[in-house]
């Protein structure tokens, strides 16, 4: 599950909205035992989390639609999807220490801009002082985590081998990796 959280590009944070309805927001994030992200220090999400810090977070990786025709040219019910997903429940908190905030912001930059080409964010740098005042850094402290990994386990061993074989031959993006995950289920 940690592999999914470390590798997923986008996650979804659900918190309790002011009207009682759940509110879901897509986030850029990184995982270090906590889910960490940045956002405005004003607005609906900030107010929701201030009022009720409980939240649920979900991330999905290794997604591939497996069309029905891999097993049958007629039976649509053999269509499925391959994926790894994780759901996390916990309490949100704000990160207030300026050094830790900048460390987290730099880690986010390194994840999403691995080629670098930016000046490291520090609390004292005038380049960043204005934006740091308006930017909150948040953590979802993990209380529980669950995962769902689906790789055609509901299919027979013969069908899983057949699907994996077809994916390896097809060679589209993600096919080989999903084929290997399917074979692990045998």
C-alpha atoms as a PDB file:
ATOM      1  CA  UNK A   1       0.000   0.000   0.000  1.00  0.00           C
ATOM      2  CA  UNK A   2       2.876   2.348   0.735  1.00  0.00           C
ATOM      3  CA  UNK A   3       4.226   1.685  -2.777  1.00  0.00           C
ATOM      4  CA  UNK A   4       0.925   2.977  -4.193  1.00  0.00           C
ATOM      5  CA  UNK A   5       1.028   6.085  -1.990  1.00  0.00           C
ATOM      6  CA  UNK A   6       4.632   6.808  -2.940  1.00  0.00           C
ATOM      7  CA  UNK A   7       3.999   6.307  -6.656  1.00  0.00           C
ATOM      8  CA  UNK A   8       0.587   7.857  -7.292  1.00  0.00           C
ATOM      9  CA  UNK A   9       0.591  11.305  -8.873  1.00  0.00           C
ATOM     10  CA  UNK A  10      -2.824  12.444  -7.670  1.00  0.00           C
ATOM     11  CA  UNK A  11      -4.814  11.623  -4.562  1.00  0.00           C
ATOM     12  CA  UNK A  12      -8.286  12.556  -3.391  1.00  0.00           C
ATOM     13  CA  UNK A  13      -9.003  14.060   0.025  1.00  0.00           C
ATOM     14  CA  UNK A  14     -12.517  13.815   1.431  1.00  0.00           C
ATOM     15  CA  UNK A  15     -13.544  15.926   4.392  1.00  0.00           C
ATOM     16  CA  UNK A  16     -16.844  16.907   5.971  1.00  0.00           C
ATOM     17  CA  UNK A  17     -18.283  19.999   4.310  1.00  0.00           C
ATOM     18  CA  UNK A  18     -20.054  22.823   6.137  1.00  0.00           C
ATOM     19  CA  UNK A  19     -23.396  21.654   4.719  1.00  0.00           C
ATOM     20  CA  UNK A  20     -22.889  18.096   6.010  1.00  0.00           C
ATOM     21  CA  UNK A  21     -22.048  16.674   2.598  1.00  0.00           C
ATOM     22  CA  UNK A  22     -18.640  15.102   1.981  1.00  0.00           C
ATOM     23  CA  UNK A  23     -16.256  17.287  -0.019  1.00  0.00           C
ATOM     24  CA  UNK A  24     -13.612  15.662  -2.246  1.00  0.00           C
ATOM     25  CA  UNK A  25     -10.584  17.474  -3.604  1.00  0.00           C
ATOM     26  CA  UNK A  26      -7.883  16.206  -5.952  1.00  0.00           C
ATOM     27  CA  UNK A  27      -4.406  16.861  -4.555  1.00  0.00           C
ATOM     28  CA  UNK A  28      -0.766  16.723  -5.478  1.00  0.00           C
ATOM     29  CA  UNK A  29       0.825  15.071  -2.461  1.00  0.00           C
ATOM     30  CA  UNK A  30       3.638  12.975  -1.165  1.00  0.00           C
ATOM     31  CA  UNK A  31       3.747  10.247   1.426  1.00  0.00           C
ATOM     32  CA  UNK A  32       6.284   9.817   4.231  1.00  0.00           C
ATOM     33  CA  UNK A  33       4.094   7.908   6.660  1.00  0.00           C
ATOM     34  CA  UNK A  34       1.715  10.868   6.460  1.00  0.00           C
ATOM     35  CA  UNK A  35      -0.106  12.315   3.466  1.00  0.00           C
ATOM     36  CA  UNK A  36       1.365  15.801   2.901  1.00  0.00           C
ATOM     37  CA  UNK A  37       0.125  18.587   0.640  1.00  0.00           C
ATOM     38  CA  UNK A  38      -0.086  22.350   0.353  1.00  0.00           C
ATOM     39  CA  UNK A  39      -3.006  24.689  -0.239  1.00  0.00           C
ATOM     40  CA  UNK A  40      -4.485  28.045   0.569  1.00  0.00           C
ATOM     41  CA  UNK A  41      -4.839  29.152   4.184  1.00  0.00           C
ATOM     42  CA  UNK A  42      -8.326  30.331   3.345  1.00  0.00           C
ATOM     43  CA  UNK A  43     -11.256  28.768   1.594  1.00  0.00           C
ATOM     44  CA  UNK A  44     -13.716  25.942   1.992  1.00  0.00           C
ATOM     45  CA  UNK A  45     -11.282  23.026   2.414  1.00  0.00           C
ATOM     46  CA  UNK A  46      -9.283  24.920   5.033  1.00  0.00           C
ATOM     47  CA  UNK A  47     -12.465  25.807   6.935  1.00  0.00           C
ATOM     48  CA  UNK A  48     -13.749  22.212   6.721  1.00  0.00           C
ATOM     49  CA  UNK A  49     -10.555  20.784   8.161  1.00  0.00           C
ATOM     50  CA  UNK A  50     -10.393  23.425  10.884  1.00  0.00           C
ATOM     51  CA  UNK A  51     -13.939  22.549  11.959  1.00  0.00           C
ATOM     52  CA  UNK A  52     -13.520  18.758  11.684  1.00  0.00           C
ATOM     53  CA  UNK A  53      -9.984  17.404  11.126  1.00  0.00           C
ATOM     54  CA  UNK A  54     -11.172  13.884  10.241  1.00  0.00           C
ATOM     55  CA  UNK A  55     -10.545  12.998   6.614  1.00  0.00           C
ATOM     56  CA  UNK A  56     -10.263  10.125   4.184  1.00  0.00           C
ATOM     57  CA  UNK A  57      -7.727  10.026   1.379  1.00  0.00           C
ATOM     58  CA  UNK A  58      -7.562   7.739  -1.637  1.00  0.00           C
ATOM     59  CA  UNK A  59      -4.969   7.123  -4.326  1.00  0.00           C
ATOM     60  CA  UNK A  60      -4.911   4.739  -7.289  1.00  0.00           C
ATOM     61  CA  UNK A  61      -2.013   3.541  -9.384  1.00  0.00           C
ATOM     62  CA  UNK A  62      -1.309   1.067 -12.147  1.00  0.00           C
ATOM     63  CA  UNK A  63      -4.608   1.476 -13.943  1.00  0.00           C
ATOM     64  CA  UNK A  64      -5.471  -0.389 -17.105  1.00  0.00           C
ATOM     65  CA  UNK A  65      -8.822  -1.204 -18.619  1.00  0.00           C
ATOM     66  CA  UNK A  66      -8.994  -4.820 -19.751  1.00  0.00           C
ATOM     67  CA  UNK A  67     -11.569  -4.925 -22.569  1.00  0.00           C
ATOM     68  CA  UNK A  68     -13.967  -7.826 -22.871  1.00  0.00           C
ATOM     69  CA  UNK A  69     -12.568  -8.856 -26.256  1.00  0.00           C
ATOM     70  CA  UNK A  70      -9.377 -10.075 -24.574  1.00  0.00           C
ATOM     71  CA  UNK A  71     -11.412 -13.128 -23.554  1.00  0.00           C
ATOM     72  CA  UNK A  72     -14.560 -12.980 -25.684  1.00  0.00           C
ATOM     73  CA  UNK A  73     -15.616 -11.199 -28.854  1.00  0.00           C
ATOM     74  CA  UNK A  74     -19.239 -11.403 -27.681  1.00  0.00           C
ATOM     75  CA  UNK A  75     -19.512 -11.415 -23.882  1.00  0.00           C
ATOM     76  CA  UNK A  76     -19.214  -7.874 -22.524  1.00  0.00           C
ATOM     77  CA  UNK A  77     -19.194  -9.109 -18.912  1.00  0.00           C
ATOM     78  CA  UNK A  78     -15.590 -10.253 -19.189  1.00  0.00           C
ATOM     79  CA  UNK A  79     -14.431  -6.603 -19.244  1.00  0.00           C
ATOM     80  CA  UNK A  80     -12.621  -5.502 -16.088  1.00  0.00           C
ATOM     81  CA  UNK A  81     -10.005  -3.071 -14.834  1.00  0.00           C
ATOM     82  CA  UNK A  82      -6.597  -3.650 -13.278  1.00  0.00           C
ATOM     83  CA  UNK A  83      -5.497  -1.355 -10.475  1.00  0.00           C
ATOM     84  CA  UNK A  84      -3.991  -0.852  -7.043  1.00  0.00           C
ATOM     85  CA  UNK A  85      -5.823   1.491  -4.690  1.00  0.00           C
ATOM     86  CA  UNK A  86      -5.362   2.643  -1.130  1.00  0.00           C
ATOM     87  CA  UNK A  87      -7.728   4.407   1.258  1.00  0.00           C
ATOM     88  CA  UNK A  88      -6.391   6.190   4.334  1.00  0.00           C
ATOM     89  CA  UNK A  89      -8.351   7.547   7.271  1.00  0.00           C
ATOM     90  CA  UNK A  90      -6.923   9.920   9.818  1.00  0.00           C
ATOM     91  CA  UNK A  91      -6.751  13.351  11.367  1.00  0.00           C
ATOM     92  CA  UNK A  92      -5.503  16.407   9.495  1.00  0.00           C
ATOM     93  CA  UNK A  93      -3.194  18.970  11.007  1.00  0.00           C
ATOM     94  CA  UNK A  94      -1.408  22.059   9.801  1.00  0.00           C
ATOM     95  CA  UNK A  95       2.359  22.196   9.681  1.00  0.00           C
ATOM     96  CA  UNK A  96       3.362  25.444  11.378  1.00  0.00           C
ATOM     97  CA  UNK A  97       7.150  25.182  11.723  1.00  0.00           C
ATOM     98  CA  UNK A  98       8.643  27.309   8.889  1.00  0.00           C
ATOM     99  CA  UNK A  99      11.584  24.969   8.284  1.00  0.00           C
ATOM    100  CA  UNK A 100       9.371  21.864   8.119  1.00  0.00           C
ATOM    101  CA  UNK A 101       6.897  23.662   5.839  1.00  0.00           C
ATOM    102  CA  UNK A 102       9.696  24.525   3.406  1.00  0.00           C
ATOM    103  CA  UNK A 103      11.098  20.989   3.585  1.00  0.00           C
ATOM    104  CA  UNK A 104       7.679  19.603   2.610  1.00  0.00           C
ATOM    105  CA  UNK A 105       7.209  22.155  -0.174  1.00  0.00           C
ATOM    106  CA  UNK A 106      10.650  21.240  -1.547  1.00  0.00           C
ATOM    107  CA  UNK A 107       9.771  17.522  -1.404  1.00  0.00           C
ATOM    108  CA  UNK A 108       6.597  18.252  -3.386  1.00  0.00           C
ATOM    109  CA  UNK A 109       8.669  20.151  -5.963  1.00  0.00           C
ATOM    110  CA  UNK A 110      11.151  17.262  -6.193  1.00  0.00           C
ATOM    111  CA  UNK A 111       8.326  14.770  -6.768  1.00  0.00           C
ATOM    112  CA  UNK A 112       6.504  16.770  -9.432  1.00  0.00           C
ATOM    113  CA  UNK A 113       9.504  18.529 -10.989  1.00  0.00           C
ATOM    114  CA  UNK A 114      12.279  15.928 -10.674  1.00  0.00           C
ATOM    115  CA  UNK A 115      14.429  17.704 -13.238  1.00  0.00           C
ATOM    116  CA  UNK A 116      14.992  20.450 -10.645  1.00  0.00           C
ATOM    117  CA  UNK A 117      15.535  23.896 -12.141  1.00  0.00           C
ATOM    118  CA  UNK A 118      14.062  25.782  -9.192  1.00  0.00           C
ATOM    119  CA  UNK A 119      15.575  27.595  -6.252  1.00  0.00           C
ATOM    120  CA  UNK A 120      15.066  25.696  -2.983  1.00  0.00           C
ATOM    121  CA  UNK A 121      12.298  27.170  -0.852  1.00  0.00           C
ATOM    122  CA  UNK A 122      13.502  28.635   2.445  1.00  0.00           C
ATOM    123  CA  UNK A 123      11.640  30.726   5.043  1.00  0.00           C
ATOM    124  CA  UNK A 124      14.074  33.659   4.774  1.00  0.00           C
ATOM    125  CA  UNK A 125      14.229  33.918   0.971  1.00  0.00           C
ATOM    126  CA  UNK A 126      12.456  37.105  -0.238  1.00  0.00           C
ATOM    127  CA  UNK A 127      11.548  35.273  -3.461  1.00  0.00           C
ATOM    128  CA  UNK A 128       9.172  33.065  -1.459  1.00  0.00           C
ATOM    129  CA  UNK A 129       8.131  35.238   1.515  1.00  0.00           C
ATOM    130  CA  UNK A 130       4.820  36.464   0.058  1.00  0.00           C
ATOM    131  CA  UNK A 131       3.638  33.061  -1.200  1.00  0.00           C
ATOM    132  CA  UNK A 132       4.661  31.329   2.052  1.00  0.00           C
ATOM    133  CA  UNK A 133       2.323  33.624   4.006  1.00  0.00           C
ATOM    134  CA  UNK A 134      -0.644  32.553   1.843  1.00  0.00           C
ATOM    135  CA  UNK A 135       0.277  28.871   1.599  1.00  0.00           C
ATOM    136  CA  UNK A 136      -0.681  26.286   4.164  1.00  0.00           C
ATOM    137  CA  UNK A 137       1.070  22.953   4.501  1.00  0.00           C
ATOM    138  CA  UNK A 138      -1.046  20.085   5.774  1.00  0.00           C
ATOM    139  CA  UNK A 139      -0.669  16.513   6.963  1.00  0.00           C
ATOM    140  CA  UNK A 140      -3.134  13.671   7.157  1.00  0.00           C
ATOM    141  CA  UNK A 141      -1.857  11.579  10.061  1.00  0.00           C
ATOM    142  CA  UNK A 142      -2.690   7.981   9.230  1.00  0.00           C
ATOM    143  CA  UNK A 143      -4.975   6.146  11.669  1.00  0.00           C
ATOM    144  CA  UNK A 144      -5.897   3.275   9.353  1.00  0.00           C
ATOM    145  CA  UNK A 145      -5.109   2.176   5.836  1.00  0.00           C
ATOM    146  CA  UNK A 146      -6.712  -0.340   3.526  1.00  0.00           C
ATOM    147  CA  UNK A 147      -6.035  -1.391  -0.019  1.00  0.00           C
ATOM    148  CA  UNK A 148      -7.685  -3.055  -2.959  1.00  0.00           C
ATOM    149  CA  UNK A 149      -5.548  -4.604  -5.658  1.00  0.00           C
ATOM    150  CA  UNK A 150      -7.447  -6.010  -8.621  1.00  0.00           C
ATOM    151  CA  UNK A 151      -5.710  -8.011 -11.337  1.00  0.00           C
ATOM    152  CA  UNK A 152      -8.336 -10.359 -12.769  1.00  0.00           C
ATOM    153  CA  UNK A 153      -8.378 -12.552  -9.646  1.00  0.00           C
ATOM    154  CA  UNK A 154     -12.033 -13.318 -10.412  1.00  0.00           C
ATOM    155  CA  UNK A 155     -10.984 -15.018 -13.663  1.00  0.00           C
ATOM    156  CA  UNK A 156      -9.817 -18.625 -13.976  1.00  0.00           C
ATOM    157  CA  UNK A 157      -6.082 -19.337 -13.954  1.00  0.00           C
ATOM    158  CA  UNK A 158      -6.321 -20.187 -17.650  1.00  0.00           C
ATOM    159  CA  UNK A 159      -8.021 -16.859 -18.453  1.00  0.00           C
ATOM    160  CA  UNK A 160      -5.481 -14.895 -16.388  1.00  0.00           C
ATOM    161  CA  UNK A 161      -2.626 -16.539 -18.277  1.00  0.00           C
ATOM    162  CA  UNK A 162      -4.367 -15.762 -21.563  1.00  0.00           C
ATOM    163  CA  UNK A 163      -4.928 -12.110 -20.639  1.00  0.00           C
ATOM    164  CA  UNK A 164      -1.296 -11.733 -19.503  1.00  0.00           C
ATOM    165  CA  UNK A 165      -0.083 -13.306 -22.756  1.00  0.00           C
ATOM    166  CA  UNK A 166      -2.216 -10.973 -24.877  1.00  0.00           C
ATOM    167  CA  UNK A 167      -1.060  -7.912 -22.911  1.00  0.00           C
ATOM    168  CA  UNK A 168       2.607  -8.846 -23.320  1.00  0.00           C
ATOM    169  CA  UNK A 169       2.137  -9.254 -27.083  1.00  0.00           C
ATOM    170  CA  UNK A 170       0.068  -6.074 -27.418  1.00  0.00           C
ATOM    171  CA  UNK A 171       2.788  -4.001 -25.741  1.00  0.00           C
ATOM    172  CA  UNK A 172       0.809  -0.821 -25.062  1.00  0.00           C
ATOM    173  CA  UNK A 173       1.715   1.457 -22.161  1.00  0.00           C
ATOM    174  CA  UNK A 174       1.281  -0.408 -18.881  1.00  0.00           C
ATOM    175  CA  UNK A 175       0.528  -3.768 -20.539  1.00  0.00           C
ATOM    176  CA  UNK A 176       3.705  -5.554 -19.501  1.00  0.00           C
ATOM    177  CA  UNK A 177       3.511  -4.353 -15.905  1.00  0.00           C
ATOM    178  CA  UNK A 178      -0.154  -5.362 -15.572  1.00  0.00           C
ATOM    179  CA  UNK A 179       0.592  -8.732 -17.173  1.00  0.00           C
ATOM    180  CA  UNK A 180       3.237  -9.378 -14.505  1.00  0.00           C
ATOM    181  CA  UNK A 181       0.813  -8.380 -11.736  1.00  0.00           C
ATOM    182  CA  UNK A 182      -1.819 -10.738 -13.172  1.00  0.00           C
ATOM    183  CA  UNK A 183       0.693 -13.597 -13.233  1.00  0.00           C
ATOM    184  CA  UNK A 184       1.492 -12.941  -9.554  1.00  0.00           C
ATOM    185  CA  UNK A 185      -2.128 -13.825  -8.722  1.00  0.00           C
ATOM    186  CA  UNK A 186      -1.709 -17.413  -9.963  1.00  0.00           C
END
